[in-house]
N, C-alpha and C. Protein backbone atom coordinates (compact mmCIF):
# COMPACT_ATOMS: atom_id res chain seq x y z
N MET A 1 0.56 -1.65 -0.19
CA MET A 1 -0.03 -0.19 -0.15
C MET A 1 0.81 1.62 -0.20
N ASN A 2 0.81 1.73 -0.80
CA ASN A 2 1.15 3.31 -0.39
C ASN A 2 1.07 4.53 0.09
N TYR A 3 2.12 5.02 -0.15
CA TYR A 3 1.08 6.59 1.19
C TYR A 3 -0.40 7.19 0.90
N ARG A 4 -0.95 7.37 0.15
CA ARG A 4 -2.08 7.59 -0.44
C ARG A 4 -3.07 6.96 -0.31
N GLU A 5 -2.24 5.37 -0.83
CA GLU A 5 -4.14 5.08 -0.44
C GLU A 5 -3.53 4.49 1.34
N TYR A 6 -2.88 4.34 2.62
CA TYR A 6 -2.45 3.90 3.22
C TYR A 6 -2.91 5.81 4.28
N ILE A 7 -2.80 6.47 4.39
CA ILE A 7 -3.54 7.97 4.50
C ILE A 7 -4.99 8.13 4.75
N LYS A 8 -5.42 6.83 3.00
CA LYS A 8 -6.96 7.02 2.86
C LYS A 8 -7.96 5.92 3.91
N SER A 9 -6.81 4.92 4.47
CA SER A 9 -7.42 3.91 5.42
C SER A 9 -7.95 3.85 5.99
N PRO A 10 -9.08 3.17 6.88
CA PRO A 10 -9.79 3.23 8.43
C PRO A 10 -8.24 2.95 9.55
N GLU A 11 -7.60 3.04 8.29
CA GLU A 11 -6.17 2.02 9.81
C GLU A 11 -5.82 3.44 10.19
N TRP A 12 -5.55 3.93 9.23
CA TRP A 12 -4.66 5.12 9.74
C TRP A 12 -5.19 6.19 10.02
N LYS A 13 -6.20 5.97 9.78
CA LYS A 13 -7.96 7.12 10.07
C LYS A 13 -7.59 6.93 12.28
N GLU A 14 -8.11 5.03 12.12
CA GLU A 14 -7.99 5.51 14.06
C GLU A 14 -7.29 5.46 14.13
N ARG A 15 -5.85 4.85 14.26
CA ARG A 15 -4.32 5.44 14.35
C ARG A 15 -4.33 6.62 14.77
N SER A 16 -4.50 8.03 13.57
CA SER A 16 -3.85 9.34 13.88
C SER A 16 -5.27 9.41 15.69
N ARG A 17 -6.53 9.07 15.07
CA ARG A 17 -7.21 9.75 16.02
C ARG A 17 -6.75 9.44 17.50
N ARG A 18 -6.34 8.32 17.11
CA ARG A 18 -5.86 7.94 18.89
C ARG A 18 -4.18 8.71 19.08
N PHE A 19 -3.66 9.02 18.03
CA PHE A 19 -2.84 10.46 18.45
C PHE A 19 -2.82 11.32 18.36
N ILE A 20 -4.41 11.75 18.35
CA ILE A 20 -4.97 12.80 18.82
C ILE A 20 -5.04 13.85 19.94
N ASP A 21 -5.88 12.14 19.88
CA ASP A 21 -6.50 11.77 21.28
C ASP A 21 -4.96 12.27 22.98
N LYS A 22 -4.53 11.01 22.31
CA LYS A 22 -3.65 11.04 23.18
C LYS A 22 -2.14 12.28 23.34
N ALA A 23 -2.40 13.01 22.05
CA ALA A 23 -2.16 14.44 22.75
C ALA A 23 -3.06 15.52 23.56
N GLY A 24 -3.96 14.97 23.38
CA GLY A 24 -4.97 15.88 24.43
C GLY A 24 -5.61 16.80 23.61
N HIS A 25 -5.91 16.61 22.70
CA HIS A 25 -5.95 17.58 21.12
C HIS A 25 -5.96 18.80 21.20
N ARG A 26 -3.99 19.05 21.22
CA ARG A 26 -3.49 20.04 20.87
C ARG A 26 -2.37 19.95 20.20
N CYS A 27 -2.07 21.34 19.10
CA CYS A 27 -1.50 21.23 18.27
C CYS A 27 -0.34 21.61 19.24
N HIS A 28 1.18 20.57 18.69
CA HIS A 28 2.13 19.84 19.79
C HIS A 28 3.29 21.46 19.50
N ARG A 29 2.98 22.39 18.56
CA ARG A 29 3.84 23.43 17.73
C ARG A 29 2.86 24.58 18.90
N CYS A 30 2.00 25.11 18.43
CA CYS A 30 2.33 26.51 19.36
C CYS A 30 0.84 26.34 20.17
N GLY A 31 0.45 25.07 20.49
CA GLY A 31 -1.17 24.90 21.25
C GLY A 31 -2.19 25.30 20.86
N ALA A 32 -2.17 25.15 19.88
CA ALA A 32 -4.04 25.49 19.98
C ALA A 32 -4.83 24.79 20.25
N SER A 33 -6.13 24.27 20.32
CA SER A 33 -7.37 23.43 20.61
C SER A 33 -7.92 24.43 20.56
N GLY A 34 -9.25 23.07 20.82
CA GLY A 34 -10.89 23.55 20.74
C GLY A 34 -11.37 23.48 19.99
N ARG A 35 -12.63 24.44 19.87
CA ARG A 35 -13.78 24.17 19.48
C ARG A 35 -13.24 24.82 17.26
N GLY A 36 -13.08 25.18 16.50
CA GLY A 36 -12.44 24.29 15.49
C GLY A 36 -11.84 24.54 15.00
N ILE A 37 -11.01 24.27 15.54
CA ILE A 37 -9.10 23.94 15.65
C ILE A 37 -8.91 22.41 15.04
N ILE A 38 -8.49 22.14 13.11
CA ILE A 38 -8.49 20.97 12.74
C ILE A 38 -7.31 20.25 13.55
N LEU A 39 -7.27 19.41 14.03
CA LEU A 39 -5.77 18.94 13.42
C LEU A 39 -4.62 17.16 13.15
N GLN A 40 -4.17 17.47 12.83
CA GLN A 40 -3.55 16.89 12.25
C GLN A 40 -2.00 15.78 12.38
N SER A 41 -2.72 14.57 12.08
CA SER A 41 -1.56 13.58 12.82
C SER A 41 0.08 13.78 11.62
N HIS A 42 0.94 15.16 12.05
CA HIS A 42 2.23 14.67 10.78
C HIS A 42 3.34 13.78 11.60
N HIS A 43 3.31 13.04 9.59
CA HIS A 43 4.55 12.56 9.90
C HIS A 43 6.08 13.34 10.13
N ARG A 44 6.79 12.17 10.56
CA ARG A 44 8.08 13.27 11.36
C ARG A 44 9.15 12.29 10.60
N HIS A 45 9.03 11.02 9.98
CA HIS A 45 9.54 10.54 8.66
C HIS A 45 8.55 9.09 8.83
N TYR A 46 8.87 8.31 7.53
CA TYR A 46 8.12 7.24 6.50
C TYR A 46 8.41 6.22 6.63
N GLY A 47 9.54 6.22 7.58
CA GLY A 47 10.12 4.44 7.75
C GLY A 47 9.62 3.69 8.73
N THR A 48 8.52 4.05 9.51
CA THR A 48 7.31 2.84 10.07
C THR A 48 5.86 3.59 9.99
N LEU A 49 6.44 3.73 8.66
CA LEU A 49 4.66 3.56 7.69
C LEU A 49 3.72 2.19 8.09
N GLY A 50 3.08 3.08 8.47
CA GLY A 50 1.61 1.50 8.19
C GLY A 50 1.95 0.98 10.00
N CYS A 51 3.01 1.13 10.90
CA CYS A 51 3.08 1.28 12.42
C CYS A 51 3.90 1.63 13.05
N GLU A 52 3.26 2.53 13.31
CA GLU A 52 3.79 4.14 13.42
C GLU A 52 4.21 4.07 15.41
N MET A 53 5.04 4.42 16.20
CA MET A 53 4.44 4.38 17.84
C MET A 53 4.45 6.11 17.45
N PRO A 54 4.15 6.88 18.44
CA PRO A 54 3.86 8.18 18.78
C PRO A 54 4.65 8.52 19.14
N SER A 55 5.98 9.10 19.14
CA SER A 55 7.07 9.47 18.34
C SER A 55 7.19 9.78 17.28
N ASP A 56 6.97 9.16 16.18
CA ASP A 56 6.68 8.99 14.60
C ASP A 56 6.00 10.05 14.25
N VAL A 57 5.12 10.70 14.84
CA VAL A 57 4.19 11.34 14.45
C VAL A 57 4.23 12.91 15.86
N GLU A 58 3.97 13.57 15.22
CA GLU A 58 3.95 15.25 15.24
C GLU A 58 2.36 15.70 15.07
N ILE A 59 1.47 15.52 16.66
CA ILE A 59 -0.01 16.64 16.28
C ILE A 59 0.31 18.66 15.70
N LEU A 60 -1.00 18.67 15.16
CA LEU A 60 -0.01 19.88 14.47
C LEU A 60 -0.68 20.72 13.52
N CYS A 61 -2.13 21.67 13.51
CA CYS A 61 -3.15 22.25 13.42
C CYS A 61 -2.39 22.84 12.00
N ILE A 62 -3.51 22.79 10.93
CA ILE A 62 -3.40 23.24 10.22
C ILE A 62 -2.03 24.21 9.60
N GLY A 63 -2.49 25.20 10.54
CA GLY A 63 -0.85 26.03 10.17
C GLY A 63 0.62 25.91 9.72
N CYS A 64 0.30 24.98 11.84
CA CYS A 64 1.45 24.35 11.71
C CYS A 64 2.44 22.85 10.87
N HIS A 65 1.38 22.06 9.87
CA HIS A 65 1.36 21.78 9.40
C HIS A 65 2.08 21.23 7.72
N ARG A 66 1.31 22.67 7.81
CA ARG A 66 1.81 23.35 6.45
C ARG A 66 3.21 24.21 6.84
N LYS A 67 3.76 24.77 7.75
CA LYS A 67 5.13 25.07 8.36
C LYS A 67 5.46 23.85 8.31
N ALA A 68 5.62 22.69 8.89
CA ALA A 68 7.02 21.14 8.76
C ALA A 68 6.51 20.65 7.59
N ASP A 69 5.72 20.71 6.29
CA ASP A 69 5.96 20.22 5.91
C ASP A 69 6.88 21.45 4.48
N ALA A 70 7.15 22.55 4.56
CA ALA A 70 7.45 23.57 4.08
C ALA A 70 9.03 23.21 4.91
N GLU A 71 9.48 22.98 6.53
CA GLU A 71 10.92 22.59 6.32
C GLU A 71 11.23 20.75 5.88
N ARG A 72 10.38 20.37 5.64
CA ARG A 72 10.49 18.94 4.79
C ARG A 72 10.90 18.94 3.94
N ARG A 73 10.85 19.83 3.08
CA ARG A 73 10.95 20.42 1.61
C ARG A 73 12.73 20.79 1.30
N SER A 74 12.58 22.40 2.54
CA SER A 74 13.89 22.48 2.70
C SER A 74 14.89 22.18 3.14
N GLY A 75 14.28 20.97 4.00
CA GLY A 75 15.51 20.40 4.34
C GLY A 75 15.87 20.60 6.15
N ARG A 76 15.67 21.69 6.20
CA ARG A 76 15.48 22.02 7.78
C ARG A 76 14.45 21.60 8.84
N PRO A 77 15.55 20.72 9.98
CA PRO A 77 14.88 20.29 11.14
C PRO A 77 14.07 20.94 11.86
N SER A 78 12.62 19.18 12.12
CA SER A 78 11.78 19.90 12.57
C SER A 78 11.87 19.60 14.01
N MET A 79 11.05 21.71 14.25
CA MET A 79 11.25 22.36 15.29
C MET A 79 10.28 21.06 16.09
N GLY A 80 9.27 20.05 16.13
CA GLY A 80 8.44 19.07 16.89
C GLY A 80 9.10 18.83 18.22
N THR A 81 8.05 18.57 18.72
CA THR A 81 9.23 17.47 19.90
C THR A 81 8.29 16.21 19.57
N GLY A 82 6.70 15.09 19.97
CA GLY A 82 6.20 13.94 18.71
C GLY A 82 4.88 14.51 20.08
N VAL A 83 4.14 12.65 19.83
CA VAL A 83 3.95 12.50 21.00
C VAL A 83 4.14 11.70 21.89
N GLU A 84 4.80 11.89 22.64
CA GLU A 84 5.23 11.77 23.59
C GLU A 84 4.79 11.23 25.44
């Protein structure tokens, strides 16, 4: 299964939901939470795709997720902490 298929799968959706729950429904970078804040699970790397551990993902609001993706594209290190 490729990345795009996996992200749409019920398995990933459930895993992502659990990661967001574990993070207390709060963005790891800016702390945003509450009604109207959409959170997403950002893969810090793709080495464990399909069997991610909490430290493999970072819970981010949409704005911080865009910044994290831009950092990845530019080669800068991630500023995130993961879902410890």
